[in-house]
PDB file of N, CA and C in Angstrom:
ATOM      1  N   MET A   1       0.842  -1.178   0.000  1.00  0.00           N
ATOM      2  CA  MET A   1       0.000   0.000   0.000  1.00  0.00           C
ATOM      3  C   MET A   1       0.891   1.247   0.000  1.00  0.00           C
ATOM      4  N   LYS A   2       0.622   2.130  -0.920  1.00  0.00           N
ATOM      5  CA  LYS A   2       1.403   3.361  -1.045  1.00  0.00           C
ATOM      6  C   LYS A   2       0.707   4.487  -0.287  1.00  0.00           C
ATOM      7  N   LEU A   3       1.516   5.207   0.516  1.00  0.00           N
ATOM      8  CA  LEU A   3       0.957   6.331   1.272  1.00  0.00           C
ATOM      9  C   LEU A   3       0.770   7.539   0.360  1.00  0.00           C
ATOM     10  N   PRO A   4      -0.292   8.296   0.607  1.00  0.00           N
ATOM     11  CA  PRO A   4      -0.472   9.535  -0.160  1.00  0.00           C
ATOM     12  C   PRO A   4       0.680  10.496   0.140  1.00  0.00           C
ATOM     13  N   ASP A   5       0.938  11.395  -0.803  1.00  0.00           N
ATOM     14  CA  ASP A   5       2.045  12.344  -0.669  1.00  0.00           C
ATOM     15  C   ASP A   5       1.981  13.156   0.615  1.00  0.00           C
ATOM     16  N   PHE A   6       0.786  13.588   1.009  1.00  0.00           N
ATOM     17  CA  PHE A   6       0.689  14.416   2.214  1.00  0.00           C
ATOM     18  C   PHE A   6       1.057  13.605   3.460  1.00  0.00           C
ATOM     19  N   CYS A   7       0.786  12.306   3.491  1.00  0.00           N
ATOM     20  CA  CYS A   7       1.167  11.458   4.627  1.00  0.00           C
ATOM     21  C   CYS A   7       2.682  11.302   4.693  1.00  0.00           C
ATOM     22  N   ARG A   8       3.311  11.141   3.532  1.00  0.00           N
ATOM     23  CA  ARG A   8       4.767  11.043   3.513  1.00  0.00           C
ATOM     24  C   ARG A   8       5.396  12.355   3.971  1.00  0.00           C
ATOM     25  N   ALA A   9       4.806  13.476   3.581  1.00  0.00           N
ATOM     26  CA  ALA A   9       5.327  14.783   3.990  1.00  0.00           C
ATOM     27  C   ALA A   9       5.216  14.957   5.504  1.00  0.00           C
ATOM     28  N   ILE A  10       4.097  14.522   6.076  1.00  0.00           N
ATOM     29  CA  ILE A  10       3.914  14.626   7.533  1.00  0.00           C
ATOM     30  C   ILE A  10       4.909  13.718   8.241  1.00  0.00           C
ATOM     31  N   ALA A  11       5.097  12.511   7.749  1.00  0.00           N
ATOM     32  CA  ALA A  11       6.051  11.580   8.354  1.00  0.00           C
ATOM     33  C   ALA A  11       7.467  12.154   8.306  1.00  0.00           C
ATOM     34  N   LEU A  12       7.850  12.738   7.183  1.00  0.00           N
ATOM     35  CA  LEU A  12       9.175  13.345   7.054  1.00  0.00           C
ATOM     36  C   LEU A  12       9.336  14.514   8.021  1.00  0.00           C
ATOM     37  N   ALA A  13       8.309  15.331   8.145  1.00  0.00           N
ATOM     38  CA  ALA A  13       8.361  16.473   9.072  1.00  0.00           C
ATOM     39  C   ALA A  13       8.540  15.999  10.508  1.00  0.00           C
ATOM     40  N   LEU A  14       7.859  14.920  10.888  1.00  0.00           N
ATOM     41  CA  LEU A  14       8.002  14.381  12.242  1.00  0.00           C
ATOM     42  C   LEU A  14       9.409  13.850  12.482  1.00  0.00           C
ATOM     43  N   VAL A  15       9.970  13.161  11.519  1.00  0.00           N
ATOM     44  CA  VAL A  15      11.330  12.647  11.653  1.00  0.00           C
ATOM     45  C   VAL A  15      12.317  13.798  11.817  1.00  0.00           C
ATOM     46  N   LEU A  16      12.165  14.836  11.012  1.00  0.00           N
ATOM     47  CA  LEU A  16      13.063  15.991  11.108  1.00  0.00           C
ATOM     48  C   LEU A  16      12.908  16.729  12.426  1.00  0.00           C
ATOM     49  N   ALA A  17      11.685  16.821  12.922  1.00  0.00           N
ATOM     50  CA  ALA A  17      11.439  17.514  14.189  1.00  0.00           C
ATOM     51  C   ALA A  17      12.099  16.780  15.344  1.00  0.00           C
ATOM     52  N   VAL A  18      12.108  15.459  15.297  1.00  0.00           N
ATOM     53  CA  VAL A  18      12.742  14.676  16.354  1.00  0.00           C
ATOM     54  C   VAL A  18      14.258  14.720  16.214  1.00  0.00           C
ATOM     55  N   ALA A  19      14.763  14.689  14.996  1.00  0.00           N
ATOM     56  CA  ALA A  19      16.203  14.657  14.764  1.00  0.00           C
ATOM     57  C   ALA A  19      16.860  16.020  14.945  1.00  0.00           C
ATOM     58  N   ALA A  20      16.153  17.102  14.695  1.00  0.00           N
ATOM     59  CA  ALA A  20      16.742  18.446  14.734  1.00  0.00           C
ATOM     60  C   ALA A  20      17.389  18.797  16.062  1.00  0.00           C
ATOM     61  N   PRO A  21      16.759  18.533  17.230  1.00  0.00           N
ATOM     62  CA  PRO A  21      17.423  18.886  18.478  1.00  0.00           C
ATOM     63  C   PRO A  21      18.752  18.176  18.662  1.00  0.00           C
ATOM     64  N   ALA A  22      18.853  16.929  18.241  1.00  0.00           N
ATOM     65  CA  ALA A  22      20.112  16.199  18.382  1.00  0.00           C
ATOM     66  C   ALA A  22      21.196  16.820  17.505  1.00  0.00           C
ATOM     67  N   VAL A  23      20.839  17.245  16.328  1.00  0.00           N
ATOM     68  CA  VAL A  23      21.799  17.865  15.422  1.00  0.00           C
ATOM     69  C   VAL A  23      22.202  19.241  15.938  1.00  0.00           C
ATOM     70  N   ALA A  24      21.283  19.958  16.551  1.00  0.00           N
ATOM     71  CA  ALA A  24      21.534  21.331  16.980  1.00  0.00           C
ATOM     72  C   ALA A  24      22.453  21.409  18.202  1.00  0.00           C
ATOM     73  N   GLN A  25      22.632  20.312  18.944  1.00  0.00           N
ATOM     74  CA  GLN A  25      23.488  20.339  20.116  1.00  0.00           C
ATOM     75  C   GLN A  25      24.930  20.624  19.710  1.00  0.00           C
ATOM     76  N   THR A  26      25.584  21.486  20.465  1.00  0.00           N
ATOM     77  CA  THR A  26      26.966  21.842  20.194  1.00  0.00           C
ATOM     78  C   THR A  26      27.847  21.177  21.235  1.00  0.00           C
ATOM     79  N   SER A  27      28.856  20.453  20.795  1.00  0.00           N
ATOM     80  CA  SER A  27      29.750  19.772  21.726  1.00  0.00           C
ATOM     81  C   SER A  27      30.759  20.765  22.303  1.00  0.00           C
ATOM     82  N   PRO A  28      31.312  20.447  23.476  1.00  0.00           N
ATOM     83  CA  PRO A  28      32.342  21.328  24.047  1.00  0.00           C
ATOM     84  C   PRO A  28      33.532  21.515  23.105  1.00  0.00           C
ATOM     85  N   GLN A  29      33.904  20.486  22.359  1.00  0.00           N
ATOM     86  CA  GLN A  29      35.051  20.579  21.459  1.00  0.00           C
ATOM     87  C   GLN A  29      34.841  21.605  20.348  1.00  0.00           C
ATOM     88  N   ALA A  30      33.592  21.894  20.014  1.00  0.00           N
ATOM     89  CA  ALA A  30      33.307  22.881  18.970  1.00  0.00           C
ATOM     90  C   ALA A  30      33.794  24.273  19.380  1.00  0.00           C
ATOM     91  N   TYR A  31      33.930  24.503  20.696  1.00  0.00           N
ATOM     92  CA  TYR A  31      34.387  25.793  21.201  1.00  0.00           C
ATOM     93  C   TYR A  31      35.914  25.863  21.339  1.00  0.00           C
ATOM     94  N   ASP A  32      36.589  24.733  21.195  1.00  0.00           N
ATOM     95  CA  ASP A  32      38.045  24.709  21.347  1.00  0.00           C
ATOM     96  C   ASP A  32      38.719  25.671  20.372  1.00  0.00           C
ATOM     97  N   GLY A  33      39.757  26.339  20.855  1.00  0.00           N
ATOM     98  CA  GLY A  33      40.522  27.235  20.003  1.00  0.00           C
ATOM     99  C   GLY A  33      40.758  28.575  20.668  1.00  0.00           C
ATOM    100  N   ASP A  34      41.221  29.502  19.889  1.00  0.00           N
ATOM    101  CA  ASP A  34      41.536  30.849  20.361  1.00  0.00           C
ATOM    102  C   ASP A  34      40.514  31.816  19.779  1.00  0.00           C
ATOM    103  N   TRP A  35      39.979  32.671  20.637  1.00  0.00           N
ATOM    104  CA  TRP A  35      38.919  33.604  20.275  1.00  0.00           C
ATOM    105  C   TRP A  35      39.338  35.010  20.674  1.00  0.00           C
ATOM    106  N   GLU A  36      38.831  36.016  19.947  1.00  0.00           N
ATOM    107  CA  GLU A  36      39.122  37.397  20.306  1.00  0.00           C
ATOM    108  C   GLU A  36      37.875  38.253  20.113  1.00  0.00           C
ATOM    109  N   GLY A  37      37.821  39.315  20.908  1.00  0.00           N
ATOM    110  CA  GLY A  37      36.696  40.234  20.809  1.00  0.00           C
ATOM    111  C   GLY A  37      36.986  41.501  21.585  1.00  0.00           C
ATOM    112  N   VAL A  38      36.072  42.443  21.503  1.00  0.00           N
ATOM    113  CA  VAL A  38      36.219  43.714  22.214  1.00  0.00           C
ATOM    114  C   VAL A  38      34.995  43.897  23.104  1.00  0.00           C
ATOM    115  N   LEU A  39      35.266  44.102  24.391  1.00  0.00           N
ATOM    116  CA  LEU A  39      34.200  44.368  25.357  1.00  0.00           C
ATOM    117  C   LEU A  39      34.045  45.878  25.474  1.00  0.00           C
ATOM    118  N   HIS A  40      32.873  46.379  25.153  1.00  0.00           N
ATOM    119  CA  HIS A  40      32.591  47.817  25.235  1.00  0.00           C
ATOM    120  C   HIS A  40      31.999  48.099  26.614  1.00  0.00           C
ATOM    121  N   ALA A  41      32.853  48.575  27.519  1.00  0.00           N
ATOM    122  CA  ALA A  41      32.451  48.832  28.903  1.00  0.00           C
ATOM    123  C   ALA A  41      32.418  50.334  29.136  1.00  0.00           C
ATOM    124  N   GLY A  42      31.301  50.939  28.801  1.00  0.00           N
ATOM    125  CA  GLY A  42      31.188  52.394  28.917  1.00  0.00           C
ATOM    126  C   GLY A  42      32.148  53.075  27.977  1.00  0.00           C
ATOM    127  N   PRO A  43      32.967  54.003  28.495  1.00  0.00           N
ATOM    128  CA  PRO A  43      33.905  54.706  27.620  1.00  0.00           C
ATOM    129  C   PRO A  43      35.140  53.861  27.267  1.00  0.00           C
ATOM    130  N   GLN A  44      35.269  52.714  27.925  1.00  0.00           N
ATOM    131  CA  GLN A  44      36.454  51.890  27.736  1.00  0.00           C
ATOM    132  C   GLN A  44      36.153  50.701  26.817  1.00  0.00           C
ATOM    133  N   ASN A  45      37.063  50.440  25.887  1.00  0.00           N
ATOM    134  CA  ASN A  45      36.988  49.265  25.031  1.00  0.00           C
ATOM    135  C   ASN A  45      38.145  48.344  25.408  1.00  0.00           C
ATOM    136  N   LEU A  46      37.816  47.124  25.832  1.00  0.00           N
ATOM    137  CA  LEU A  46      38.836  46.186  26.278  1.00  0.00           C
ATOM    138  C   LEU A  46      38.948  45.021  25.305  1.00  0.00           C
ATOM    139  N   ARG A  47      40.142  44.830  24.764  1.00  0.00           N
ATOM    140  CA  ARG A  47      40.388  43.694  23.870  1.00  0.00           C
ATOM    141  C   ARG A  47      40.567  42.441  24.717  1.00  0.00           C
ATOM    142  N   LEU A  48      39.788  41.400  24.383  1.00  0.00           N
ATOM    143  CA  LEU A  48      39.836  40.149  25.121  1.00  0.00           C
ATOM    144  C   LEU A  48      40.282  39.006  24.225  1.00  0.00           C
ATOM    145  N   GLU A  49      40.966  38.051  24.829  1.00  0.00           N
ATOM    146  CA  GLU A  49      41.294  36.796  24.161  1.00  0.00           C
ATOM    147  C   GLU A  49      40.834  35.660  25.064  1.00  0.00           C
ATOM    148  N   LEU A  50      40.224  34.673  24.457  1.00  0.00           N
ATOM    149  CA  LEU A  50      39.762  33.498  25.175  1.00  0.00           C
ATOM    150  C   LEU A  50      40.420  32.282  24.544  1.00  0.00           C
ATOM    151  N   HIS A  51      41.002  31.440  25.394  1.00  0.00           N
ATOM    152  CA  HIS A  51      41.664  30.219  24.921  1.00  0.00           C
ATOM    153  C   HIS A  51      40.951  29.034  25.563  1.00  0.00           C
ATOM    154  N   LEU A  52      40.441  28.119  24.746  1.00  0.00           N
ATOM    155  CA  LEU A  52      39.726  26.945  25.242  1.00  0.00           C
ATOM    156  C   LEU A  52      40.308  25.672  24.659  1.00  0.00           C
ATOM    157  N   LYS A  53      40.390  24.635  25.503  1.00  0.00           N
ATOM    158  CA  LYS A  53      40.886  23.342  25.039  1.00  0.00           C
ATOM    159  C   LYS A  53      40.207  22.238  25.838  1.00  0.00           C
ATOM    160  N   THR A  54      39.722  21.225  25.117  1.00  0.00           N
ATOM    161  CA  THR A  54      39.068  20.087  25.755  1.00  0.00           C
ATOM    162  C   THR A  54      39.975  18.870  25.640  1.00  0.00           C
ATOM    163  N   GLU A  55      40.251  18.260  26.779  1.00  0.00           N
ATOM    164  CA  GLU A  55      41.048  17.026  26.839  1.00  0.00           C
ATOM    165  C   GLU A  55      40.405  16.091  27.840  1.00  0.00           C
ATOM    166  N   ASP A  56      40.274  14.822  27.452  1.00  0.00           N
ATOM    167  CA  ASP A  56      39.676  13.808  28.322  1.00  0.00           C
ATOM    168  C   ASP A  56      38.310  14.242  28.855  1.00  0.00           C
ATOM    169  N   GLY A  57      37.533  14.892  27.999  1.00  0.00           N
ATOM    170  CA  GLY A  57      36.183  15.311  28.368  1.00  0.00           C
ATOM    171  C   GLY A  57      36.115  16.536  29.261  1.00  0.00           C
ATOM    172  N   GLN A  58      37.247  17.132  29.581  1.00  0.00           N
ATOM    173  CA  GLN A  58      37.304  18.305  30.454  1.00  0.00           C
ATOM    174  C   GLN A  58      37.740  19.524  29.644  1.00  0.00           C
ATOM    175  N   THR A  59      36.923  20.594  29.654  1.00  0.00           N
ATOM    176  CA  THR A  59      37.282  21.816  28.946  1.00  0.00           C
ATOM    177  C   THR A  59      37.914  22.796  29.927  1.00  0.00           C
ATOM    178  N   LYS A  60      39.077  23.297  29.554  1.00  0.00           N
ATOM    179  CA  LYS A  60      39.774  24.289  30.374  1.00  0.00           C
ATOM    180  C   LYS A  60      39.941  25.548  29.551  1.00  0.00           C
ATOM    181  N   GLY A  61      40.054  26.669  30.248  1.00  0.00           N
ATOM    182  CA  GLY A  61      40.170  27.918  29.520  1.00  0.00           C
ATOM    183  C   GLY A  61      40.930  28.983  30.273  1.00  0.00           C
ATOM    184  N   GLU A  62      41.216  30.027  29.525  1.00  0.00           N
ATOM    185  CA  GLU A  62      41.919  31.180  30.078  1.00  0.00           C
ATOM    186  C   GLU A  62      41.393  32.417  29.363  1.00  0.00           C
ATOM    187  N   LEU A  63      41.139  33.456  30.118  1.00  0.00           N
ATOM    188  CA  LEU A  63      40.656  34.716  29.570  1.00  0.00           C
ATOM    189  C   LEU A  63      41.716  35.783  29.811  1.00  0.00           C
ATOM    190  N   ALA A  64      42.097  36.477  28.744  1.00  0.00           N
ATOM    191  CA  ALA A  64      43.102  37.536  28.854  1.00  0.00           C
ATOM    192  C   ALA A  64      42.487  38.863  28.448  1.00  0.00           C
ATOM    193  N   SER A  65      42.737  39.882  29.265  1.00  0.00           N
ATOM    194  CA  SER A  65      42.369  41.245  28.930  1.00  0.00           C
ATOM    195  C   SER A  65      43.659  41.932  28.482  1.00  0.00           C
ATOM    196  N   LEU A  66      43.829  42.056  27.179  1.00  0.00           N
ATOM    197  CA  LEU A  66      45.090  42.557  26.620  1.00  0.00           C
ATOM    198  C   LEU A  66      45.397  43.984  27.056  1.00  0.00           C
ATOM    199  N   ASP A  67      44.379  44.823  27.102  1.00  0.00           N
ATOM    200  CA  ASP A  67      44.598  46.230  27.454  1.00  0.00           C
ATOM    201  C   ASP A  67      44.906  46.427  28.933  1.00  0.00           C
ATOM    202  N   GLN A  68      44.504  45.464  29.753  1.00  0.00           N
ATOM    203  CA  GLN A  68      44.791  45.548  31.183  1.00  0.00           C
ATOM    204  C   GLN A  68      46.026  44.738  31.554  1.00  0.00           C
ATOM    205  N   GLY A  69      46.539  43.961  30.587  1.00  0.00           N
ATOM    206  CA  GLY A  69      47.738  43.164  30.823  1.00  0.00           C
ATOM    207  C   GLY A  69      47.534  42.032  31.813  1.00  0.00           C
ATOM    208  N   ILE A  70      46.326  41.467  31.862  1.00  0.00           N
ATOM    209  CA  ILE A  70      46.071  40.375  32.797  1.00  0.00           C
ATOM    210  C   ILE A  70      45.507  39.153  32.076  1.00  0.00           C
ATOM    211  N   SER A  71      45.793  38.004  32.665  1.00  0.00           N
ATOM    212  CA  SER A  71      45.285  36.739  32.160  1.00  0.00           C
ATOM    213  C   SER A  71      44.772  35.942  33.353  1.00  0.00           C
ATOM    214  N   MET A  72      43.560  35.394  33.226  1.00  0.00           N
ATOM    215  CA  MET A  72      42.931  34.701  34.342  1.00  0.00           C
ATOM    216  C   MET A  72      42.445  33.324  33.895  1.00  0.00           C
ATOM    217  N   PRO A  73      42.681  32.298  34.723  1.00  0.00           N
ATOM    218  CA  PRO A  73      42.171  30.976  34.363  1.00  0.00           C
ATOM    219  C   PRO A  73      40.650  30.924  34.541  1.00  0.00           C
ATOM    220  N   ALA A  74      40.021  30.132  33.698  1.00  0.00           N
ATOM    221  CA  ALA A  74      38.589  29.900  33.860  1.00  0.00           C
ATOM    222  C   ALA A  74      38.417  28.930  35.023  1.00  0.00           C
ATOM    223  N   THR A  75      37.576  29.297  35.967  1.00  0.00           N
ATOM    224  CA  THR A  75      37.348  28.457  37.130  1.00  0.00           C
ATOM    225  C   THR A  75      36.442  27.284  36.760  1.00  0.00           C
ATOM    226  N   GLY A  76      35.529  27.525  35.874  1.00  0.00           N
ATOM    227  CA  GLY A  76      34.630  26.480  35.421  1.00  0.00           C
ATOM    228  C   GLY A  76      34.197  26.750  33.998  1.00  0.00           C
ATOM    229  N   VAL A  77      34.224  25.699  33.178  1.00  0.00           N
ATOM    230  CA  VAL A  77      33.788  25.810  31.789  1.00  0.00           C
ATOM    231  C   VAL A  77      32.769  24.709  31.544  1.00  0.00           C
ATOM    232  N   LYS A  78      31.610  25.085  31.006  1.00  0.00           N
ATOM    233  CA  LYS A  78      30.607  24.069  30.695  1.00  0.00           C
ATOM    234  C   LYS A  78      29.883  24.439  29.404  1.00  0.00           C
ATOM    235  N   VAL A  79      29.397  23.413  28.745  1.00  0.00           N
ATOM    236  CA  VAL A  79      28.526  23.598  27.591  1.00  0.00           C
ATOM    237  C   VAL A  79      27.250  22.840  27.909  1.00  0.00           C
ATOM    238  N   GLU A  80      26.169  23.591  28.037  1.00  0.00           N
ATOM    239  CA  GLU A  80      24.875  23.012  28.369  1.00  0.00           C
ATOM    240  C   GLU A  80      23.843  23.517  27.386  1.00  0.00           C
ATOM    241  N   ASP A  81      23.092  22.603  26.805  1.00  0.00           N
ATOM    242  CA  ASP A  81      22.092  22.959  25.799  1.00  0.00           C
ATOM    243  C   ASP A  81      22.704  23.786  24.678  1.00  0.00           C
ATOM    244  N   GLY A  82      23.956  23.479  24.337  1.00  0.00           N
ATOM    245  CA  GLY A  82      24.634  24.163  23.243  1.00  0.00           C
ATOM    246  C   GLY A  82      25.195  25.520  23.597  1.00  0.00           C
ATOM    247  N   GLU A  83      25.020  25.959  24.856  1.00  0.00           N
ATOM    248  CA  GLU A  83      25.513  27.282  25.255  1.00  0.00           C
ATOM    249  C   GLU A  83      26.751  27.147  26.135  1.00  0.00           C
ATOM    250  N   LEU A  84      27.740  27.967  25.854  1.00  0.00           N
ATOM    251  CA  LEU A  84      28.988  28.006  26.605  1.00  0.00           C
ATOM    252  C   LEU A  84      28.806  28.866  27.846  1.00  0.00           C
ATOM    253  N   GLY A  85      29.317  28.382  28.970  1.00  0.00           N
ATOM    254  CA  GLY A  85      29.314  29.154  30.200  1.00  0.00           C
ATOM    255  C   GLY A  85      30.693  29.068  30.829  1.00  0.00           C
ATOM    256  N   ILE A  86      31.301  30.208  31.111  1.00  0.00           N
ATOM    257  CA  ILE A  86      32.638  30.234  31.693  1.00  0.00           C
ATOM    258  C   ILE A  86      32.609  31.139  32.918  1.00  0.00           C
ATOM    259  N   LEU A  87      32.994  30.577  34.050  1.00  0.00           N
ATOM    260  CA  LEU A  87      33.087  31.333  35.283  1.00  0.00           C
ATOM    261  C   LEU A  87      34.547  31.719  35.487  1.00  0.00           C
ATOM    262  N   VAL A  88      34.796  33.008  35.725  1.00  0.00           N
ATOM    263  CA  VAL A  88      36.153  33.502  35.965  1.00  0.00           C
ATOM    264  C   VAL A  88      36.138  34.180  37.340  1.00  0.00           C
ATOM    265  N   LEU A  89      36.429  33.382  38.372  1.00  0.00           N
ATOM    266  CA  LEU A  89      36.354  33.895  39.741  1.00  0.00           C
ATOM    267  C   LEU A  89      37.345  35.020  40.010  1.00  0.00           C
ATOM    268  N   ALA A  90      38.525  34.966  39.391  1.00  0.00           N
ATOM    269  CA  ALA A  90      39.537  36.007  39.616  1.00  0.00           C
ATOM    270  C   ALA A  90      39.001  37.392  39.238  1.00  0.00           C
ATOM    271  N   ALA A  91      38.087  37.444  38.274  1.00  0.00           N
ATOM    272  CA  ALA A  91      37.505  38.719  37.855  1.00  0.00           C
ATOM    273  C   ALA A  91      36.108  38.918  38.435  1.00  0.00           C
ATOM    274  N   GLY A  92      35.581  37.889  39.073  1.00  0.00           N
ATOM    275  CA  GLY A  92      34.217  37.974  39.580  1.00  0.00           C
ATOM    276  C   GLY A  92      33.212  38.084  38.450  1.00  0.00           C
ATOM    277  N   GLY A  93      33.499  37.409  37.337  1.00  0.00           N
ATOM    278  CA  GLY A  93      32.632  37.526  36.166  1.00  0.00           C
ATOM    279  C   GLY A  93      32.307  36.199  35.521  1.00  0.00           C
ATOM    280  N   GLU A  94      31.394  36.284  34.576  1.00  0.00           N
ATOM    281  CA  GLU A  94      30.968  35.098  33.839  1.00  0.00           C
ATOM    282  C   GLU A  94      30.718  35.447  32.383  1.00  0.00           C
ATOM    283  N   LEU A  95      31.210  34.596  31.512  1.00  0.00           N
ATOM    284  CA  LEU A  95      30.983  34.741  30.085  1.00  0.00           C
ATOM    285  C   LEU A  95      29.981  33.673  29.663  1.00  0.00           C
ATOM    286  N   LYS A  96      28.973  34.075  28.935  1.00  0.00           N
ATOM    287  CA  LYS A  96      28.006  33.136  28.368  1.00  0.00           C
ATOM    288  C   LYS A  96      27.877  33.442  26.893  1.00  0.00           C
ATOM    289  N   GLY A  97      27.762  32.398  26.095  1.00  0.00           N
ATOM    290  CA  GLY A  97      27.618  32.626  24.667  1.00  0.00           C
ATOM    291  C   GLY A  97      27.229  31.379  23.918  1.00  0.00           C
ATOM    292  N   LYS A  98      26.855  31.579  22.697  1.00  0.00           N
ATOM    293  CA  LYS A  98      26.427  30.480  21.844  1.00  0.00           C
ATOM    294  C   LYS A  98      27.197  30.536  20.531  1.00  0.00           C
ATOM    295  N   LEU A  99      27.747  29.386  20.154  1.00  0.00           N
ATOM    296  CA  LEU A  99      28.460  29.270  18.892  1.00  0.00           C
ATOM    297  C   LEU A  99      27.463  29.420  17.753  1.00  0.00           C
ATOM    298  N   GLN A 100      27.782  30.285  16.817  1.00  0.00           N
ATOM    299  CA  GLN A 100      26.909  30.526  15.674  1.00  0.00           C
ATOM    300  C   GLN A 100      27.105  29.426  14.632  1.00  0.00           C
ATOM    301  N   PRO A 101      26.122  29.227  13.755  1.00  0.00           N
ATOM    302  CA  PRO A 101      26.206  28.146  12.762  1.00  0.00           C
ATOM    303  C   PRO A 101      27.473  28.173  11.903  1.00  0.00           C
ATOM    304  N   ASP A 102      28.063  29.350  11.706  1.00  0.00           N
ATOM    305  CA  ASP A 102      29.280  29.415  10.885  1.00  0.00           C
ATOM    306  C   ASP A 102      30.497  28.826  11.598  1.00  0.00           C
ATOM    307  N   GLY A 103      30.388  28.570  12.917  1.00  0.00           N
ATOM    308  CA  GLY A 103      31.490  28.002  13.685  1.00  0.00           C
ATOM    309  C   GLY A 103      32.626  28.971  13.938  1.00  0.00           C
ATOM    310  N   LYS A 104      32.450  30.223  13.542  1.00  0.00           N
ATOM    311  CA  LYS A 104      33.525  31.213  13.654  1.00  0.00           C
ATOM    312  C   LYS A 104      33.226  32.323  14.647  1.00  0.00           C
ATOM    313  N   THR A 105      32.024  32.309  15.229  1.00  0.00           N
ATOM    314  CA  THR A 105      31.608  33.406  16.092  1.00  0.00           C
ATOM    315  C   THR A 105      30.850  32.873  17.306  1.00  0.00           C
ATOM    316  N   ILE A 106      31.151  33.437  18.465  1.00  0.00           N
ATOM    317  CA  ILE A 106      30.384  33.186  19.684  1.00  0.00           C
ATOM    318  C   ILE A 106      29.698  34.502  20.032  1.00  0.00           C
ATOM    319  N   VAL A 107      28.391  34.476  20.150  1.00  0.00           N
ATOM    320  CA  VAL A 107      27.634  35.676  20.507  1.00  0.00           C
ATOM    321  C   VAL A 107      27.055  35.460  21.902  1.00  0.00           C
ATOM    322  N   GLY A 108      27.317  36.418  22.784  1.00  0.00           N
ATOM    323  CA  GLY A 108      26.826  36.268  24.146  1.00  0.00           C
ATOM    324  C   GLY A 108      27.026  37.512  24.959  1.00  0.00           C
ATOM    325  N   SER A 109      27.442  37.311  26.224  1.00  0.00           N
ATOM    326  CA  SER A 109      27.605  38.450  27.129  1.00  0.00           C
ATOM    327  C   SER A 109      28.671  38.149  28.176  1.00  0.00           C
ATOM    328  N   TRP A 110      29.216  39.230  28.724  1.00  0.00           N
ATOM    329  CA  TRP A 110      30.120  39.174  29.859  1.00  0.00           C
ATOM    330  C   TRP A 110      29.392  39.862  30.999  1.00  0.00           C
ATOM    331  N   THR A 111      29.278  39.168  32.138  1.00  0.00           N
ATOM    332  CA  THR A 111      28.594  39.727  33.297  1.00  0.00           C
ATOM    333  C   THR A 111      29.576  39.856  34.443  1.00  0.00           C
ATOM    334  N   GLN A 112      29.691  41.088  34.917  1.00  0.00           N
ATOM    335  CA  GLN A 112      30.561  41.406  36.051  1.00  0.00           C
ATOM    336  C   GLN A 112      29.894  42.586  36.748  1.00  0.00           C
ATOM    337  N   GLY A 113      28.870  42.275  37.515  1.00  0.00           N
ATOM    338  CA  GLY A 113      28.035  43.331  38.088  1.00  0.00           C
ATOM    339  C   GLY A 113      26.922  43.697  37.125  1.00  0.00           C
ATOM    340  N   VAL A 114      27.270  44.090  35.926  1.00  0.00           N
ATOM    341  CA  VAL A 114      26.295  44.354  34.867  1.00  0.00           C
ATOM    342  C   VAL A 114      26.597  43.416  33.694  1.00  0.00           C
ATOM    343  N   SER A 115      25.602  43.181  32.889  1.00  0.00           N
ATOM    344  CA  SER A 115      25.772  42.309  31.731  1.00  0.00           C
ATOM    345  C   SER A 115      26.007  43.160  30.485  1.00  0.00           C
ATOM    346  N   LEU A 116      27.097  42.862  29.774  1.00  0.00           N
ATOM    347  CA  LEU A 116      27.450  43.594  28.563  1.00  0.00           C
ATOM    348  C   LEU A 116      27.522  42.616  27.388  1.00  0.00           C
ATOM    349  N   PRO A 117      27.005  43.018  26.226  1.00  0.00           N
ATOM    350  CA  PRO A 117      27.092  42.128  25.064  1.00  0.00           C
ATOM    351  C   PRO A 117      28.544  41.910  24.652  1.00  0.00           C
ATOM    352  N   LEU A 118      28.821  40.704  24.177  1.00  0.00           N
ATOM    353  CA  LEU A 118      30.177  40.372  23.751  1.00  0.00           C
ATOM    354  C   LEU A 118      30.106  39.388  22.589  1.00  0.00           C
ATOM    355  N   THR A 119      30.839  39.692  21.541  1.00  0.00           N
ATOM    356  CA  THR A 119      30.973  38.791  20.401  1.00  0.00           C
ATOM    357  C   THR A 119      32.442  38.440  20.257  1.00  0.00           C
ATOM    358  N   LEU A 120      32.706  37.134  20.192  1.00  0.00           N
ATOM    359  CA  LEU A 120      34.075  36.651  20.019  1.00  0.00           C
ATOM    360  C   LEU A 120      34.187  35.986  18.648  1.00  0.00           C
ATOM    361  N   THR A 121      35.302  36.201  18.006  1.00  0.00           N
ATOM    362  CA  THR A 121      35.564  35.643  16.689  1.00  0.00           C
ATOM    363  C   THR A 121      36.730  34.664  16.782  1.00  0.00           C
ATOM    364  N   ARG A 122      36.589  33.527  16.106  1.00  0.00           N
ATOM    365  CA  ARG A 122      37.654  32.533  16.117  1.00  0.00           C
ATOM    366  C   ARG A 122      38.925  33.135  15.533  1.00  0.00           C
ATOM    367  N   LYS A 123      40.001  33.047  16.290  1.00  0.00           N
ATOM    368  CA  LYS A 123      41.265  33.656  15.894  1.00  0.00           C
ATOM    369  C   LYS A 123      42.077  32.733  14.991  1.00  0.00           C
ATOM    370  N   THR A 124      42.003  31.449  15.237  1.00  0.00           N
ATOM    371  CA  THR A 124      42.758  30.485  14.457  1.00  0.00           C
ATOM    372  C   THR A 124      41.808  29.513  13.770  1.00  0.00           C
ATOM    373  N   ALA A 125      42.229  29.005  12.661  1.00  0.00           N
ATOM    374  CA  ALA A 125      41.398  28.035  11.948  1.00  0.00           C
ATOM    375  C   ALA A 125      41.284  26.760  12.760  1.00  0.00           C
ATOM    376  N   LYS A 126      40.104  26.175  12.741  1.00  0.00           N
ATOM    377  CA  LYS A 126      39.866  24.936  13.490  1.00  0.00           C
ATOM    378  C   LYS A 126      39.940  23.769  12.542  1.00  0.00           C
TER     379      LYS A 126
END
């Protein structure tokens, strides 16, 4: 028995709807690499570099503020529901962001008392 075209279309849509969330998940390794961006904090623009590396299922990172001449280890790095979260206790701040489909940009925010938008661009080819 052959299914009518509209039944096949509905079946295909259901399969895609179930499969899409699994495909949309971003692994921690997708964030690995060197990233750069500029944090616009009022009148001050701070150039930032973020370095991430995943080994044995553990992601470690370091955040550097080039204009302030400081580098701080990430206290905690996690990827949950495709979103990156980095806690930097030395600065009392947190970076949150989501890898964009192009794999070259993380769009999110830096929160340190107030939340400021932050976009990071992949510095090195992955």
